[in-house]
Amino acid sequence: HRKGATSANKGEMGIIPGSQGSNSYIVRGKG
């Protein structure tokens, strides 16, 4: 169960947003 969490398998591309006044990130999972 992932509630407010995302999968981050090794090599998987993901997205972690900030707020409307801060940075967001494109990430790659480490598994």
Full PDB file with SEQRES, HELIX, SHEET, SSBOND, CRYST1, ORIGX, SCALE, CONECT and MASTER records, all heavy atoms in Angstrom:
SEQRES   1 A   31  HIS ARG LYS GLY ALA THR SER ALA ASN LYS GLY GLU MET          
SEQRES   2 A   31  GLY ILE ILE PRO GLY SER GLN GLY SER ASN SER TYR ILE          
SEQRES   3 A   31  VAL ARG GLY LYS GLY                                          
SHEET    1 AA1 2 MET A  13  ILE A  16  0                                        
SHEET    2 AA1 2 TYR A  25  ARG A  28 -1                                        
CRYST1    1.000    1.000    1.000  90.00  90.00  90.00 P 1           1          
ORIGX1      1.000000  0.000000  0.000000        0.00000                         
ORIGX2      0.000000  1.000000  0.000000        0.00000                         
ORIGX3      0.000000  0.000000  1.000000        0.00000                         
SCALE1      1.000000  0.000000  0.000000        0.00000                         
SCALE2      0.000000  1.000000  0.000000        0.00000                         
SCALE3      0.000000  0.000000  1.000000        0.00000                         
ATOM      1  N   HIS A   1       0.868  -1.185   0.000  1.00  0.00           N  
ATOM      2  CA  HIS A   1       0.000   0.000   0.000  1.00  0.00           C  
ATOM      3  C   HIS A   1       0.904   1.234   0.000  1.00  0.00           C  
ATOM      4  O   HIS A   1       1.731   1.398   0.898  1.00  0.00           O  
ATOM      5  CB  HIS A   1      -0.869   0.031   1.259  1.00  0.00           C  
ATOM      6  CG  HIS A   1      -1.786  -1.134   1.426  1.00  0.00           C  
ATOM      7  ND1 HIS A   1      -1.327  -2.422   1.682  1.00  0.00           N  
ATOM      8  CD2 HIS A   1      -3.154  -1.211   1.398  1.00  0.00           C  
ATOM      9  CE1 HIS A   1      -2.373  -3.235   1.801  1.00  0.00           C  
ATOM     10  NE2 HIS A   1      -3.481  -2.532   1.634  1.00  0.00           N  
ATOM     11  N   ARG A   2       0.737   2.070  -0.992  1.00  0.00           N  
ATOM     12  CA  ARG A   2       1.454   3.347  -1.034  1.00  0.00           C  
ATOM     13  C   ARG A   2       0.417   4.469  -0.962  1.00  0.00           C  
ATOM     14  O   ARG A   2      -0.384   4.636  -1.862  1.00  0.00           O  
ATOM     15  CB  ARG A   2       2.296   3.475  -2.303  1.00  0.00           C  
ATOM     16  CG  ARG A   2       3.457   2.491  -2.378  1.00  0.00           C  
ATOM     17  CD  ARG A   2       4.359   2.757  -3.577  1.00  0.00           C  
ATOM     18  NE  ARG A   2       5.491   1.837  -3.585  1.00  0.00           N  
ATOM     19  CZ  ARG A   2       5.500   0.652  -4.186  1.00  0.00           C  
ATOM     20  NH1 ARG A   2       4.406   0.242  -4.851  1.00  0.00           N  
ATOM     21  NH2 ARG A   2       6.558  -0.124  -4.143  1.00  0.00           N  
ATOM     22  N   LYS A   3       0.448   5.195   0.130  1.00  0.00           N  
ATOM     23  CA  LYS A   3      -0.492   6.306   0.317  1.00  0.00           C  
ATOM     24  C   LYS A   3       0.318   7.597   0.409  1.00  0.00           C  
ATOM     25  O   LYS A   3       1.004   7.841   1.404  1.00  0.00           O  
ATOM     26  CB  LYS A   3      -1.323   6.103   1.590  1.00  0.00           C  
ATOM     27  CG  LYS A   3      -2.425   7.149   1.772  1.00  0.00           C  
ATOM     28  CD  LYS A   3      -3.260   6.833   3.001  1.00  0.00           C  
ATOM     29  CE  LYS A   3      -4.462   7.767   3.095  1.00  0.00           C  
ATOM     30  NZ  LYS A   3      -5.286   7.477   4.285  1.00  0.00           N  
ATOM     31  N   GLY A   4       0.281   8.377  -0.658  1.00  0.00           N  
ATOM     32  CA  GLY A   4       1.144   9.546  -0.708  1.00  0.00           C  
ATOM     33  C   GLY A   4       2.603   9.149  -0.790  1.00  0.00           C  
ATOM     34  O   GLY A   4       3.476   9.787  -0.206  1.00  0.00           O  
ATOM     35  N   ALA A   5       2.871   8.082  -1.525  1.00  0.00           N  
ATOM     36  CA  ALA A   5       4.241   7.632  -1.787  1.00  0.00           C  
ATOM     37  C   ALA A   5       4.255   7.006  -3.172  1.00  0.00           C  
ATOM     38  O   ALA A   5       3.236   6.469  -3.616  1.00  0.00           O  
ATOM     39  CB  ALA A   5       4.698   6.622  -0.738  1.00  0.00           C  
ATOM     40  N   THR A   6       5.379   7.078  -3.856  1.00  0.00           N  
ATOM     41  CA  THR A   6       5.460   6.543  -5.206  1.00  0.00           C  
ATOM     42  C   THR A   6       6.501   5.432  -5.283  1.00  0.00           C  
ATOM     43  O   THR A   6       7.403   5.345  -4.447  1.00  0.00           O  
ATOM     44  CB  THR A   6       5.834   7.623  -6.240  1.00  0.00           C  
ATOM     45  OG1 THR A   6       7.240   7.894  -6.160  1.00  0.00           O  
ATOM     46  CG2 THR A   6       5.063   8.899  -6.012  1.00  0.00           C  
ATOM     47  N   SER A   7       6.359   4.593  -6.280  1.00  0.00           N  
ATOM     48  CA  SER A   7       7.366   3.557  -6.489  1.00  0.00           C  
ATOM     49  C   SER A   7       8.658   4.202  -6.983  1.00  0.00           C  
ATOM     50  O   SER A   7       8.630   5.225  -7.677  1.00  0.00           O  
ATOM     51  CB  SER A   7       6.876   2.499  -7.483  1.00  0.00           C  
ATOM     52  OG  SER A   7       6.682   3.068  -8.761  1.00  0.00           O  
ATOM     53  N   ALA A   8       9.774   3.621  -6.608  1.00  0.00           N  
ATOM     54  CA  ALA A   8      11.092   4.133  -7.004  1.00  0.00           C  
ATOM     55  C   ALA A   8      11.999   2.941  -7.286  1.00  0.00           C  
ATOM     56  O   ALA A   8      13.055   2.773  -6.667  1.00  0.00           O  
ATOM     57  CB  ALA A   8      11.670   5.030  -5.913  1.00  0.00           C  
ATOM     58  N   ASN A   9      11.524   2.070  -8.204  1.00  0.00           N  
ATOM     59  CA  ASN A   9      12.333   0.919  -8.599  1.00  0.00           C  
ATOM     60  C   ASN A   9      13.651   1.389  -9.210  1.00  0.00           C  
ATOM     61  O   ASN A   9      13.752   2.520  -9.693  1.00  0.00           O  
ATOM     62  CB  ASN A   9      11.569   0.071  -9.615  1.00  0.00           C  
ATOM     63  CG  ASN A   9      10.345  -0.583  -9.017  1.00  0.00           C  
ATOM     64  OD1 ASN A   9      10.449  -1.351  -8.064  1.00  0.00           O  
ATOM     65  ND2 ASN A   9       9.165  -0.263  -9.540  1.00  0.00           N  
ATOM     66  N   LYS A  10      14.633   0.531  -9.219  1.00  0.00           N  
ATOM     67  CA  LYS A  10      15.941   0.905  -9.751  1.00  0.00           C  
ATOM     68  C   LYS A  10      15.805   1.336 -11.212  1.00  0.00           C  
ATOM     69  O   LYS A  10      15.300   0.595 -12.047  1.00  0.00           O  
ATOM     70  CB  LYS A  10      16.920  -0.261  -9.635  1.00  0.00           C  
ATOM     71  CG  LYS A  10      18.365   0.104  -9.988  1.00  0.00           C  
ATOM     72  CD  LYS A  10      19.306  -1.027  -9.669  1.00  0.00           C  
ATOM     73  CE  LYS A  10      20.744  -0.673 -10.040  1.00  0.00           C  
ATOM     74  NZ  LYS A  10      21.229   0.518  -9.295  1.00  0.00           N  
ATOM     75  N   GLY A  11      16.192   2.563 -11.499  1.00  0.00           N  
ATOM     76  CA  GLY A  11      16.136   3.086 -12.862  1.00  0.00           C  
ATOM     77  C   GLY A  11      14.802   3.692 -13.251  1.00  0.00           C  
ATOM     78  O   GLY A  11      14.689   4.303 -14.321  1.00  0.00           O  
ATOM     79  N   GLU A  12      13.774   3.562 -12.405  1.00  0.00           N  
ATOM     80  CA  GLU A  12      12.447   4.082 -12.743  1.00  0.00           C  
ATOM     81  C   GLU A  12      12.412   5.599 -12.623  1.00  0.00           C  
ATOM     82  O   GLU A  12      12.878   6.181 -11.646  1.00  0.00           O  
ATOM     83  CB  GLU A  12      11.394   3.477 -11.801  1.00  0.00           C  
ATOM     84  CG  GLU A  12       9.978   3.920 -12.089  1.00  0.00           C  
ATOM     85  CD  GLU A  12       8.945   3.283 -11.163  1.00  0.00           C  
ATOM     86  OE1 GLU A  12       9.346   2.757 -10.097  1.00  0.00           O  
ATOM     87  OE2 GLU A  12       7.752   3.298 -11.502  1.00  0.00           O  
ATOM     88  N   MET A  13      11.838   6.270 -13.645  1.00  0.00           N  
ATOM     89  CA  MET A  13      11.696   7.717 -13.606  1.00  0.00           C  
ATOM     90  C   MET A  13      10.500   8.104 -12.751  1.00  0.00           C  
ATOM     91  O   MET A  13       9.440   7.465 -12.825  1.00  0.00           O  
ATOM     92  CB  MET A  13      11.522   8.272 -15.019  1.00  0.00           C  
ATOM     93  CG  MET A  13      12.692   7.986 -15.939  1.00  0.00           C  
ATOM     94  SD  MET A  13      14.244   8.711 -15.344  1.00  0.00           S  
ATOM     95  CE  MET A  13      13.923  10.443 -15.622  1.00  0.00           C  
ATOM     96  N   GLY A  14      10.662   9.127 -11.931  1.00  0.00           N  
ATOM     97  CA  GLY A  14       9.599   9.580 -11.056  1.00  0.00           C  
ATOM     98  C   GLY A  14       9.547  11.091 -10.985  1.00  0.00           C  
ATOM     99  O   GLY A  14      10.363  11.797 -11.600  1.00  0.00           O  
ATOM    100  N   ILE A  15       8.568  11.591 -10.252  1.00  0.00           N  
ATOM    101  CA  ILE A  15       8.329  13.029 -10.123  1.00  0.00           C  
ATOM    102  C   ILE A  15       8.063  13.338  -8.655  1.00  0.00           C  
ATOM    103  O   ILE A  15       7.216  12.705  -8.033  1.00  0.00           O  
ATOM    104  CB  ILE A  15       7.099  13.457 -10.952  1.00  0.00           C  
ATOM    105  CG1 ILE A  15       7.256  13.050 -12.427  1.00  0.00           C  
ATOM    106  CG2 ILE A  15       6.862  14.954 -10.835  1.00  0.00           C  
ATOM    107  CD1 ILE A  15       5.961  13.136 -13.217  1.00  0.00           C  
ATOM    108  N   ILE A  16       8.790  14.317  -8.117  1.00  0.00           N  
ATOM    109  CA  ILE A  16       8.551  14.766  -6.746  1.00  0.00           C  
ATOM    110  C   ILE A  16       8.336  16.276  -6.780  1.00  0.00           C  
ATOM    111  O   ILE A  16       9.287  17.038  -6.950  1.00  0.00           O  
ATOM    112  CB  ILE A  16       9.722  14.400  -5.806  1.00  0.00           C  
ATOM    113  CG1 ILE A  16       9.956  12.888  -5.801  1.00  0.00           C  
ATOM    114  CG2 ILE A  16       9.441  14.908  -4.381  1.00  0.00           C  
ATOM    115  CD1 ILE A  16      11.145  12.440  -4.967  1.00  0.00           C  
ATOM    116  N   PRO A  17       7.066  16.718  -6.660  1.00  0.00           N  
ATOM    117  CA  PRO A  17       6.800  18.159  -6.716  1.00  0.00           C  
ATOM    118  C   PRO A  17       7.049  18.838  -5.383  1.00  0.00           C  
ATOM    119  O   PRO A  17       6.980  18.207  -4.331  1.00  0.00           O  
ATOM    120  CB  PRO A  17       5.313  18.198  -7.075  1.00  0.00           C  
ATOM    121  CG  PRO A  17       4.758  16.971  -6.415  1.00  0.00           C  
ATOM    122  CD  PRO A  17       5.836  15.925  -6.522  1.00  0.00           C  
ATOM    123  N   GLY A  18       7.321  20.146  -5.452  1.00  0.00           N  
ATOM    124  CA  GLY A  18       7.400  20.949  -4.239  1.00  0.00           C  
ATOM    125  C   GLY A  18       6.065  21.637  -4.030  1.00  0.00           C  
ATOM    126  O   GLY A  18       5.011  21.013  -4.080  1.00  0.00           O  
ATOM    127  N   SER A  19       6.104  22.954  -3.824  1.00  0.00           N  
ATOM    128  CA  SER A  19       4.889  23.763  -3.751  1.00  0.00           C  
ATOM    129  C   SER A  19       4.929  24.743  -4.915  1.00  0.00           C  
ATOM    130  O   SER A  19       5.890  24.759  -5.687  1.00  0.00           O  
ATOM    131  CB  SER A  19       4.844  24.524  -2.423  1.00  0.00           C  
ATOM    132  OG  SER A  19       5.878  25.496  -2.404  1.00  0.00           O  
ATOM    133  N   GLN A  20       3.905  25.596  -5.032  1.00  0.00           N  
ATOM    134  CA  GLN A  20       3.897  26.518  -6.164  1.00  0.00           C  
ATOM    135  C   GLN A  20       4.952  27.614  -6.046  1.00  0.00           C  
ATOM    136  O   GLN A  20       5.147  28.390  -6.985  1.00  0.00           O  
ATOM    137  CB  GLN A  20       2.514  27.133  -6.358  1.00  0.00           C  
ATOM    138  CG  GLN A  20       1.981  27.950  -5.210  1.00  0.00           C  
ATOM    139  CD  GLN A  20       0.578  28.455  -5.482  1.00  0.00           C  
ATOM    140  OE1 GLN A  20       0.317  29.083  -6.504  1.00  0.00           O  
ATOM    141  NE2 GLN A  20      -0.347  28.167  -4.589  1.00  0.00           N  
ATOM    142  N   GLY A  21       5.670  27.638  -4.926  1.00  0.00           N  
ATOM    143  CA  GLY A  21       6.756  28.599  -4.779  1.00  0.00           C  
ATOM    144  C   GLY A  21       8.104  27.935  -4.581  1.00  0.00           C  
ATOM    145  O   GLY A  21       9.055  28.578  -4.118  1.00  0.00           O  
ATOM    146  N   SER A  22       8.206  26.636  -4.910  1.00  0.00           N  
ATOM    147  CA  SER A  22       9.485  25.946  -4.731  1.00  0.00           C  
ATOM    148  C   SER A  22       9.728  24.963  -5.872  1.00  0.00           C  
ATOM    149  O   SER A  22       8.837  24.702  -6.685  1.00  0.00           O  
ATOM    150  CB  SER A  22       9.519  25.209  -3.385  1.00  0.00           C  
ATOM    151  OG  SER A  22       8.551  24.179  -3.358  1.00  0.00           O  
ATOM    152  N   ASN A  23      10.928  24.431  -5.915  1.00  0.00           N  
ATOM    153  CA  ASN A  23      11.314  23.523  -6.994  1.00  0.00           C  
ATOM    154  C   ASN A  23      10.543  22.212  -6.943  1.00  0.00           C  
ATOM    155  O   ASN A  23      10.082  21.778  -5.889  1.00  0.00           O  
ATOM    156  CB  ASN A  23      12.809  23.202  -6.904  1.00  0.00           C  
ATOM    157  CG  ASN A  23      13.686  24.390  -7.236  1.00  0.00           C  
ATOM    158  OD1 ASN A  23      13.247  25.329  -7.900  1.00  0.00           O  
ATOM    159  ND2 ASN A  23      14.920  24.369  -6.779  1.00  0.00           N  
ATOM    160  N   SER A  24      10.455  21.580  -8.115  1.00  0.00           N  
ATOM    161  CA  SER A  24      10.005  20.193  -8.234  1.00  0.00           C  
ATOM    162  C   SER A  24      11.143  19.413  -8.883  1.00  0.00           C  
ATOM    163  O   SER A  24      12.091  20.005  -9.426  1.00  0.00           O  
ATOM    164  CB  SER A  24       8.743  20.099  -9.089  1.00  0.00           C  
ATOM    165  OG  SER A  24       7.666  20.771  -8.466  1.00  0.00           O  
ATOM    166  N   TYR A  25      11.043  18.079  -8.852  1.00  0.00           N  
ATOM    167  CA  TYR A  25      12.162  17.262  -9.309  1.00  0.00           C  
ATOM    168  C   TYR A  25      11.716  16.079 -10.166  1.00  0.00           C  
ATOM    169  O   TYR A  25      10.724  15.415  -9.855  1.00  0.00           O  
ATOM    170  CB  TYR A  25      12.951  16.728  -8.102  1.00  0.00           C  
ATOM    171  CG  TYR A  25      13.549  17.822  -7.261  1.00  0.00           C  
ATOM    172  CD1 TYR A  25      12.828  18.390  -6.208  1.00  0.00           C  
ATOM    173  CD2 TYR A  25      14.808  18.329  -7.546  1.00  0.00           C  
ATOM    174  CE1 TYR A  25      13.350  19.422  -5.454  1.00  0.00           C  
ATOM    175  CE2 TYR A  25      15.350  19.364  -6.795  1.00  0.00           C  
ATOM    176  CZ  TYR A  25      14.616  19.914  -5.751  1.00  0.00           C  
ATOM    177  OH  TYR A  25      15.150  20.935  -5.014  1.00  0.00           O  
ATOM    178  N   ILE A  26      12.454  15.858 -11.237  1.00  0.00           N  
ATOM    179  CA  ILE A  26      12.379  14.597 -11.965  1.00  0.00           C  
ATOM    180  C   ILE A  26      13.481  13.726 -11.377  1.00  0.00           C  
ATOM    181  O   ILE A  26      14.646  14.163 -11.270  1.00  0.00           O  
ATOM    182  CB  ILE A  26      12.609  14.792 -13.481  1.00  0.00           C  
ATOM    183  CG1 ILE A  26      11.625  15.825 -14.045  1.00  0.00           C  
ATOM    184  CG2 ILE A  26      12.490  13.461 -14.210  1.00  0.00           C  
ATOM    185  CD1 ILE A  26      10.169  15.435 -13.961  1.00  0.00           C  
ATOM    186  N   VAL A  27      13.138  12.528 -10.960  1.00  0.00           N  
ATOM    187  CA  VAL A  27      14.095  11.676 -10.244  1.00  0.00           C  
ATOM    188  C   VAL A  27      14.193  10.297 -10.893  1.00  0.00           C  
ATOM    189  O   VAL A  27      13.338   9.906 -11.690  1.00  0.00           O  
ATOM    190  CB  VAL A  27      13.701  11.527  -8.752  1.00  0.00           C  
ATOM    191  CG1 VAL A  27      13.726  12.878  -8.051  1.00  0.00           C  
ATOM    192  CG2 VAL A  27      12.330  10.872  -8.615  1.00  0.00           C  
ATOM    193  N   ARG A  28      15.233   9.594 -10.526  1.00  0.00           N  
ATOM    194  CA  ARG A  28      15.413   8.202 -10.951  1.00  0.00           C  
ATOM    195  C   ARG A  28      15.565   7.342  -9.700  1.00  0.00           C  
ATOM    196  O   ARG A  28      16.392   7.621  -8.829  1.00  0.00           O  
ATOM    197  CB  ARG A  28      16.644   8.061 -11.849  1.00  0.00           C  
ATOM    198  CG  ARG A  28      16.833   6.643 -12.396  1.00  0.00           C  
ATOM    199  CD  ARG A  28      18.056   6.538 -13.289  1.00  0.00           C  
ATOM    200  NE  ARG A  28      17.876   7.271 -14.545  1.00  0.00           N  
ATOM    201  CZ  ARG A  28      18.543   8.378 -14.881  1.00  0.00           C  
ATOM    202  NH1 ARG A  28      19.418   8.912 -14.023  1.00  0.00           N  
ATOM    203  NH2 ARG A  28      18.333   8.966 -16.040  1.00  0.00           N  
ATOM    204  N   GLY A  29      14.729   6.308  -9.593  1.00  0.00           N  
ATOM    205  CA  GLY A  29      14.731   5.471  -8.400  1.00  0.00           C  
ATOM    206  C   GLY A  29      15.993   4.650  -8.239  1.00  0.00           C  
ATOM    207  O   GLY A  29      16.643   4.271  -9.217  1.00  0.00           O  
ATOM    208  N   LYS A  30      16.313   4.349  -6.978  1.00  0.00           N  
ATOM    209  CA  LYS A  30      17.480   3.505  -6.659  1.00  0.00           C  
ATOM    210  C   LYS A  30      17.081   2.087  -6.273  1.00  0.00           C  
ATOM    211  O   LYS A  30      17.946   1.231  -6.083  1.00  0.00           O  
ATOM    212  CB  LYS A  30      18.293   4.135  -5.533  1.00  0.00           C  
ATOM    213  CG  LYS A  30      18.982   5.442  -5.931  1.00  0.00           C  
ATOM    214  CD  LYS A  30      19.892   5.931  -4.807  1.00  0.00           C  
ATOM    215  CE  LYS A  30      20.690   7.153  -5.252  1.00  0.00           C  
ATOM    216  NZ  LYS A  30      21.629   7.614  -4.197  1.00  0.00           N  
ATOM    217  N   GLY A  31      15.773   1.836  -6.110  1.00  0.00           N  
ATOM    218  CA  GLY A  31      15.334   0.483  -5.786  1.00  0.00           C  
ATOM    219  C   GLY A  31      15.678   0.050  -4.378  1.00  0.00           C  
ATOM    220  O   GLY A  31      15.989  -1.123  -4.145  1.00  0.00           O  
TER     221      GLY A  31                                                      
MASTER        0    0    0    0    2    0    0    6  220    1    0    3          
END                                                                             
